[in-house]
Amino acid sequence: MTDTAYDPSSDGAKMSFKDAMSYGDYLHLDGILTQQHPQSDAHDEMLFIIQHQTSELWMKLALHELGAAREALKAGDLSHMFKMLARVSRIFEQLNNAWDVLRTMTPADYTTFRETLGPSSGFQSHQYRLIEYVLGNRNPNMVKPHAHVPEAKAALEAELAQPSFYDEVIRYLFVSLDGDDSAMPAPQLNQPHSVVEEIQARWKTVYEDVDTHWRLYELAEKLVDLEDYFRRWRFNHVTTVERVIGFKRGTGGTSGVQYLRRMLDVELFPELWHLRGDL
């Protein structure tokens, strides 16, 4: 007796897509899967390209969620905002896991194609920079590498012109505790957010009576959770770079590992970390 190959159509699966939208059509895979263009014959360059392309896709989703979370917060819709923030944390967990794949590339592997990168570098990722701007780490100097791309430059400048997501959180904090935002410090639009005593004092009020201020406490811990994953991503970046290129300068001109280590000291929501020593 001869076994016959299973025919999925017998179970109702559609098998012809001549006049219907297929999986590839919906995802535009013909465009996505043909955008990997190695500049060398090195085997590991494909890994390097796909690692960075997929990271950019995850960052696009993170920005989509953070933008919606900011609007939900402004509308007082914390339930949906919490879900979005939880998703952003999981996105950064996914980005963290991706470093494990890249770390299978050894220094010997990377040197076979590094020169083909020219001055291109992840330092020039406008989406990563935009995520930092949305969350409150705002350095206007970081717009300069994007001056040659009008759309990217405009997006970064537009973000600098409005309160960050954390600024909106602070507004919600003051309104919830004070009744209005009249005593709220002015948003730090064009510089990295640094500790403000009045803000930290109000977060301390929340943490000293979490039952009374549970919603604010929950919000604060969602932010700490998000920054925790974000810091891990930075740390994994440093470790991976040191493992692969040591202390060479980055292709984009930075000092490489030394520059990335400096970024480890950046705090997105500093008051939430500093108050812990006061409790």
Protein backbone atom coordinates (compact mmCIF):
# COMPACT_ATOMS: atom_id res chain seq x y z
CA MET A 1 0.00 0.00 0.00
CA THR A 2 1.40 3.38 -1.01
CA ASP A 3 1.03 6.34 1.33
CA THR A 4 -0.34 9.43 -0.37
CA ALA A 5 0.92 12.89 0.51
CA TYR A 6 -1.40 14.84 2.75
CA ASP A 7 -3.47 17.40 0.84
CA PRO A 8 -4.32 20.41 3.11
CA SER A 9 -7.22 21.31 0.81
CA SER A 10 -9.03 18.21 2.14
CA ASP A 11 -9.11 20.02 5.49
CA GLY A 12 -10.42 23.22 3.94
CA ALA A 13 -7.13 25.04 3.36
CA LYS A 14 -7.20 27.49 0.47
CA MET A 15 -4.55 26.47 -2.06
CA SER A 16 -4.96 28.96 -4.90
CA PHE A 17 -4.34 32.70 -4.52
CA LYS A 18 -4.60 33.88 -8.09
CA ASP A 19 -7.43 36.24 -7.18
CA ALA A 20 -7.02 36.50 -3.40
CA MET A 21 -4.64 38.15 -0.93
CA SER A 22 -1.99 35.72 0.29
CA TYR A 23 0.24 35.81 3.37
CA GLY A 24 3.09 37.22 1.29
CA ASP A 25 0.81 39.83 -0.26
CA TYR A 26 -0.46 41.04 3.11
CA LEU A 27 3.06 41.36 4.58
CA HIS A 28 4.67 42.64 1.35
CA LEU A 29 7.32 39.97 1.77
CA ASP A 30 8.55 40.43 -1.77
CA GLY A 31 9.74 43.88 -0.69
CA ILE A 32 11.01 42.96 2.77
CA LEU A 33 12.95 39.83 1.80
CA THR A 34 14.74 41.50 -1.08
CA GLN A 35 16.16 44.37 1.00
CA GLN A 36 19.25 42.55 2.25
CA HIS A 37 22.21 43.67 0.15
CA PRO A 38 25.58 42.54 1.55
CA GLN A 39 28.50 44.64 0.38
CA SER A 40 30.95 41.74 0.61
CA ASP A 41 31.10 37.97 0.17
CA ALA A 42 31.47 37.46 3.92
CA HIS A 43 29.05 34.85 5.28
CA ASP A 44 28.24 36.77 8.49
CA GLU A 45 27.28 40.03 6.82
CA MET A 46 23.76 38.68 6.22
CA LEU A 47 23.39 38.12 9.98
CA PHE A 48 24.61 41.66 10.66
CA ILE A 49 22.13 43.19 8.19
CA ILE A 50 19.10 41.19 9.33
CA GLN A 51 19.91 41.82 13.00
CA HIS A 52 19.78 45.57 12.44
CA GLN A 53 16.81 45.55 10.07
CA THR A 54 14.67 43.54 12.46
CA SER A 55 15.74 45.78 15.35
CA GLU A 56 14.51 48.78 13.38
CA LEU A 57 11.15 47.05 12.84
CA TRP A 58 10.81 46.39 16.57
CA MET A 59 11.71 50.03 17.26
CA LYS A 60 9.03 51.13 14.81
CA LEU A 61 6.51 49.17 16.84
CA ALA A 62 7.87 50.61 20.10
CA LEU A 63 7.32 54.14 18.74
CA HIS A 64 3.82 53.18 17.60
CA GLU A 65 3.01 52.00 21.13
CA LEU A 66 4.66 54.91 22.92
CA GLY A 67 2.83 57.45 20.76
CA ALA A 68 -0.49 55.81 21.51
CA ALA A 69 0.41 55.48 25.20
CA ARG A 70 1.08 59.22 25.43
CA GLU A 71 -2.28 60.02 23.85
CA ALA A 72 -4.04 57.54 26.15
CA LEU A 73 -2.42 59.15 29.18
CA LYS A 74 -3.45 62.62 28.07
CA ALA A 75 -7.02 61.30 27.72
CA GLY A 76 -6.87 59.73 31.19
CA ASP A 77 -7.10 56.21 29.78
CA LEU A 78 -4.56 54.51 32.02
CA SER A 79 -5.84 50.97 31.49
CA HIS A 80 -4.96 50.96 27.79
CA MET A 81 -1.76 52.91 28.44
CA PHE A 82 -0.56 50.26 30.93
CA LYS A 83 -1.04 47.56 28.31
CA MET A 84 0.96 49.57 25.77
CA LEU A 85 3.80 50.18 28.22
CA ALA A 86 3.91 46.48 29.07
CA ARG A 87 4.18 45.74 25.36
CA VAL A 88 7.08 48.19 24.95
CA SER A 89 8.90 46.42 27.79
CA ARG A 90 8.41 43.10 26.00
CA ILE A 91 9.66 44.66 22.75
CA PHE A 92 12.89 45.58 24.49
CA GLU A 93 13.09 42.07 25.90
CA GLN A 94 12.91 40.85 22.31
CA LEU A 95 15.63 43.32 21.29
CA ASN A 96 17.75 42.07 24.18
CA ASN A 97 17.38 38.46 23.05
CA ALA A 98 18.54 39.42 19.57
CA TRP A 99 22.01 40.27 20.92
CA ASP A 100 22.45 36.57 21.71
CA VAL A 101 22.21 35.81 18.01
CA LEU A 102 24.62 38.57 17.01
CA ARG A 103 27.14 37.41 19.60
CA THR A 104 27.59 34.21 17.60
CA MET A 105 29.60 36.43 15.24
CA THR A 106 33.24 36.38 16.34
CA PRO A 107 35.84 39.15 15.88
CA ALA A 108 37.35 37.12 13.04
CA ASP A 109 33.94 36.96 11.36
CA TYR A 110 33.27 40.70 11.69
CA THR A 111 36.64 41.80 10.34
CA THR A 112 35.85 40.07 7.05
CA PHE A 113 33.30 42.75 6.17
CA ARG A 114 33.61 45.63 8.67
CA GLU A 115 35.39 47.90 6.20
CA THR A 116 32.45 47.67 3.79
CA LEU A 117 30.25 49.50 6.33
CA GLY A 118 32.10 52.77 5.75
CA PRO A 119 30.94 55.40 8.26
CA SER A 120 27.49 53.81 8.72
CA SER A 121 26.64 52.96 12.33
CA GLY A 122 23.75 52.21 14.67
CA PHE A 123 24.62 55.58 16.21
CA GLN A 124 22.74 57.01 13.21
CA SER A 125 19.45 55.20 13.92
CA HIS A 126 16.86 57.98 13.97
CA GLN A 127 14.23 55.63 15.42
CA TYR A 128 16.41 54.80 18.40
CA ARG A 129 17.03 58.51 18.91
CA LEU A 130 13.31 59.19 18.63
CA ILE A 131 12.56 56.60 21.32
CA GLU A 132 15.00 58.39 23.61
CA TYR A 133 13.39 61.74 22.82
CA VAL A 134 9.89 60.41 23.47
CA LEU A 135 10.97 59.00 26.84
CA GLY A 136 12.74 62.19 27.91
CA ASN A 137 16.45 61.74 27.11
CA ARG A 138 16.73 64.73 24.79
CA ASN A 139 20.02 65.87 23.33
CA PRO A 140 19.42 68.29 20.43
CA ASN A 141 22.94 67.60 19.13
CA MET A 142 21.77 64.14 18.11
CA VAL A 143 19.60 65.64 15.37
CA LYS A 144 22.72 66.60 13.38
CA PRO A 145 23.50 63.13 11.95
CA HIS A 146 20.04 63.16 10.33
CA ALA A 147 20.24 66.54 8.61
CA HIS A 148 20.60 64.80 5.24
CA VAL A 149 17.24 63.00 5.67
CA PRO A 150 14.50 65.67 5.86
CA GLU A 151 11.80 63.30 7.13
CA ALA A 152 13.94 61.96 9.98
CA LYS A 153 15.16 65.43 10.94
CA ALA A 154 11.60 66.77 10.95
CA ALA A 155 10.36 63.89 13.14
CA LEU A 156 13.10 64.46 15.70
CA GLU A 157 12.58 68.23 15.78
CA ALA A 158 8.82 67.77 16.11
CA GLU A 159 9.35 65.54 19.12
CA LEU A 160 11.68 68.08 20.74
CA ALA A 161 8.97 70.72 20.34
CA GLN A 162 6.43 68.86 22.51
CA PRO A 163 6.42 67.47 26.05
CA SER A 164 7.91 64.00 26.31
CA PHE A 165 5.94 61.00 27.47
CA TYR A 166 7.54 61.38 30.90
CA ASP A 167 6.53 65.05 30.95
CA GLU A 168 2.93 63.95 30.49
CA VAL A 169 3.37 61.43 33.31
CA ILE A 170 4.64 64.22 35.54
CA ARG A 171 1.64 66.37 34.61
CA TYR A 172 -0.66 63.50 35.58
CA LEU A 173 1.26 63.11 38.85
CA PHE A 174 0.82 66.78 39.81
CA VAL A 175 -2.82 66.93 38.79
CA SER A 176 -3.55 63.76 40.76
CA LEU A 177 -1.81 64.94 43.93
CA ASP A 178 -2.21 68.73 43.77
CA GLY A 179 -5.51 69.03 41.93
CA ASP A 180 -3.91 70.93 39.02
CA ASP A 181 -0.55 71.37 37.28
CA SER A 182 0.12 74.96 38.38
CA ALA A 183 3.11 73.90 40.50
CA MET A 184 4.51 71.56 37.86
CA PRO A 185 8.06 72.46 36.75
CA ALA A 186 8.39 73.41 33.10
CA PRO A 187 9.13 70.44 30.81
CA GLN A 188 12.80 70.02 29.85
CA LEU A 189 12.17 70.01 26.11
CA ASN A 190 15.67 70.54 24.75
CA GLN A 191 17.85 68.74 27.25
CA PRO A 192 17.96 65.34 28.96
CA HIS A 193 15.53 65.19 31.86
CA SER A 194 17.39 65.60 35.12
CA VAL A 195 16.19 65.21 38.71
CA VAL A 196 13.79 67.91 39.90
CA GLU A 197 13.26 68.03 43.66
CA GLU A 198 9.55 68.86 43.46
CA ILE A 199 8.90 65.90 41.19
CA GLN A 200 10.86 63.47 43.34
CA ALA A 201 9.04 64.68 46.45
CA ARG A 202 5.69 63.84 44.89
CA TRP A 203 6.82 60.40 43.79
CA LYS A 204 8.00 59.86 47.35
CA THR A 205 4.50 60.72 48.57
CA VAL A 206 3.16 58.01 46.28
CA TYR A 207 5.61 55.36 47.46
CA GLU A 208 5.05 56.17 51.13
CA ASP A 209 1.31 55.45 50.80
CA VAL A 210 0.83 53.06 47.89
CA ASP A 211 -2.68 52.04 48.95
CA THR A 212 -3.96 55.61 48.69
CA HIS A 213 -2.06 56.31 45.47
CA TRP A 214 -2.17 52.85 43.91
CA ARG A 215 -2.79 54.05 40.35
CA LEU A 216 0.21 56.38 40.45
CA TYR A 217 2.31 53.67 42.09
CA GLU A 218 1.33 51.23 39.35
CA LEU A 219 2.26 53.80 36.72
CA ALA A 220 5.63 54.45 38.35
CA GLU A 221 6.49 50.76 38.45
CA LYS A 222 5.49 50.33 34.78
CA LEU A 223 8.01 53.06 33.94
CA VAL A 224 10.72 51.48 36.08
CA ASP A 225 10.04 48.15 34.38
CA LEU A 226 10.36 49.76 30.95
CA GLU A 227 13.61 51.50 31.83
CA ASP A 228 14.95 48.29 33.34
CA TYR A 229 14.61 46.54 29.96
CA PHE A 230 15.96 49.61 28.17
CA ARG A 231 19.07 49.62 30.38
CA ARG A 232 19.60 45.93 29.76
CA TRP A 233 19.48 46.62 26.02
CA ARG A 234 22.21 49.25 26.43
CA PHE A 235 24.31 46.93 28.58
CA ASN A 236 23.98 44.07 26.08
CA HIS A 237 24.98 46.48 23.33
CA VAL A 238 28.16 47.43 25.17
CA THR A 239 29.01 43.81 25.95
CA THR A 240 28.45 42.69 22.37
CA VAL A 241 30.54 45.51 20.92
CA GLU A 242 33.41 44.84 23.36
CA ARG A 243 33.23 41.12 22.60
CA VAL A 244 33.35 41.65 18.83
CA ILE A 245 35.62 44.70 18.28
CA GLY A 246 37.23 45.33 21.66
CA PHE A 247 38.11 48.99 22.16
CA LYS A 248 38.36 50.03 18.51
CA ARG A 249 36.56 53.20 17.43
CA GLY A 250 33.04 52.71 16.12
CA THR A 251 32.42 52.85 12.38
CA GLY A 252 30.39 56.02 12.96
CA GLY A 253 33.38 57.76 14.57
CA THR A 254 32.51 57.41 18.27
CA SER A 255 34.97 55.98 20.77
CA GLY A 256 33.05 52.72 20.60
CA VAL A 257 32.86 50.88 23.91
CA GLN A 258 33.85 53.99 25.89
CA TYR A 259 30.98 55.95 24.33
CA LEU A 260 28.48 53.16 24.96
CA ARG A 261 29.61 52.82 28.58
CA ARG A 262 28.95 56.51 29.07
CA MET A 263 25.40 55.97 27.83
CA LEU A 264 24.87 53.41 30.62
CA ASP A 265 24.76 56.30 33.10
CA VAL A 266 21.81 57.97 31.38
CA GLU A 267 18.57 57.81 33.40
CA LEU A 268 15.24 58.18 31.62
CA PHE A 269 13.09 58.64 34.74
CA PRO A 270 15.68 59.72 37.32
CA GLU A 271 13.30 60.72 40.13
CA LEU A 272 11.87 57.19 40.22
CA TRP A 273 15.33 55.74 40.79
CA HIS A 274 16.67 58.39 43.17
CA LEU A 275 13.71 58.32 45.53
CA ARG A 276 14.43 54.71 46.43
CA GLY A 277 17.30 55.83 48.63
CA ASP A 278 14.93 58.11 50.55
CA LEU A 279 12.34 55.51 51.50
